[in-house]
Amino acid sequence: MGSELIYRGHETQPKSNSYSPKPTKPWFFEIRPIRYILREQRLLFVLLGIVIATLFFTLLPSSSPISHSHFLSSELTQPTHRIFYQAHSVFSSGGGKIPLGLKRKGLRIVVTGGAGFVGSHLVDRLIARGDSVIVVDNFFTGRKENVMHHFGNPRFELIRHDVVEPLLLEVDQIYHLACPASPVHYKFNPFFLNYDFLGIHKTNVVGTLNMLGLAKRVGARFLLTSTSEVYGDPLQHPQVETYWGNVNPIGVRSCYDEGKRTAETLTMDYHRGAGVEVRIARIFNTYGPRMCIDDGRVVSNFVAQALRKEPLTVYGDGKQTRSFQYVSDLVEGLMRLMEGEHVGPFNLGNPGEFTMIELAQVVQETIDPNAKIEFRPNTEDDPHKRKPDITRAKDLLGWEPKVSLRKGLPLMVSDFRQRIFGDHKEDGASTTMPLS
């Protein structure tokens, strides 16, 4: 048979119009990450990083957290810039712990009346704690010398301003101290005649409204420094915070007494109605360096008169009682109240009670045993007794005064002697507060 050659090159082959991808190999997605790690010595670098981290945390000295009670004590008695563990706020109960070696974040705080007696000492503590402080003062009773030692500090600002006019600032906390503290003596001292009684009431009412409005706008915590004068001539002794007082609403002291009572009302209205965080402190008689020398208050009167070799003037029979706290104790109480979780009001004062005769005798012992005592008619609406019950402050703030009158008075005398006789160059920083 003959062979037959068949040419099939022109025969069409069946073609597929669809693309068929290469089948995925089993375990492809499980093996791919492993192959990635094994390439280019990545696994070696991972292991090396684990070893370094382990050595770092092993050799790092361990530090146990500071207990809350110990921290409160150390922070309030001696301010420090470097800490180990601390809450988000210096006394705050919220927030996590700050790692070893880091500083607390300073707050931005405004202090109205910050160039005054109490305000300037408060500013010292806040600056030492690491906060940025804005002092607002119209220098009616405040003095630039009280805060001059902070000039040049980038965390300190001073604004000459009357709080009866609105003020726009961005702050975290507001300490509202602005207001002359003892209007009863204005009629006896010509220096104060330019500041009428209506002005005192406006500071307490309009000034407090302006500061509360600022706190509401910026979400700041607000502390009102009220006074024991809200108790008037008390029928209850000692005075507790629940006592409503016995105040003459039309007397010579009423511009201050009723002004502070109104300020407390406004503060609580903003708290209940607008949700503003507020704190209320009722301050009892306070003394210390930087007091106005001729402000008419009993301690400054006695000290200045004894230094000038003048008779100590006692009004009435001298059996009226007062309690006197040193300014460092008050500042500590204000800071604890601001950083605590309780609205108040809280009595901040020293429950140690002295008659005016006893106070004059202590001044005689401290300055001049030969100083004479001169009696004069009593002033109108002068309270017969004044003594704080500080049980609430002890229980809720862990606060009580530490500096006795005989310990604190010599420090005040030294400051007054320098300012009256010019023994040394005046410097607000030279008058330091004892640690309580």
Foldseek 3Di string as FASTA:
>chain_A
DDDDDDDCPPPDDDDDPDDDDDDDDPCPVVCVVVVVCPPPVNVVVVVVVVVVVVVVVVPDDDDDDDDLVVQLQCCLQPADFWDAWAAQDNNAPDHDIDHGGDGHDAWEEEEEVLQADLNLQLVVSSVSNPHQYEYEYLPLRGDCLLNVVCPPPPSYHYDNDQLLDADADAGAAYEYDDAPDFQLCLVVDVSNPVQDLVNRLSCLASSLVRVLVNCLVNVHEYEYAAAPCQQQQHPDPADEQPRRHDHDCPDSRNSRNVSRVNSVVVQVCCCVPRVRHYAYEHEFAEDAFRHDQPSPDQLSQLLNCLVVLHAREDADPQQAKGFYAYSSLVSSLVVLRRNFDDRDHAYRTAQDMDGRVRSSCLSCVLRNVPHHHDYDHHGPSDHRYYGHDGPVCCVRRVGDGDADCNRRSNLRSVNSCCVVVVPDDRHSVVRDDRRD
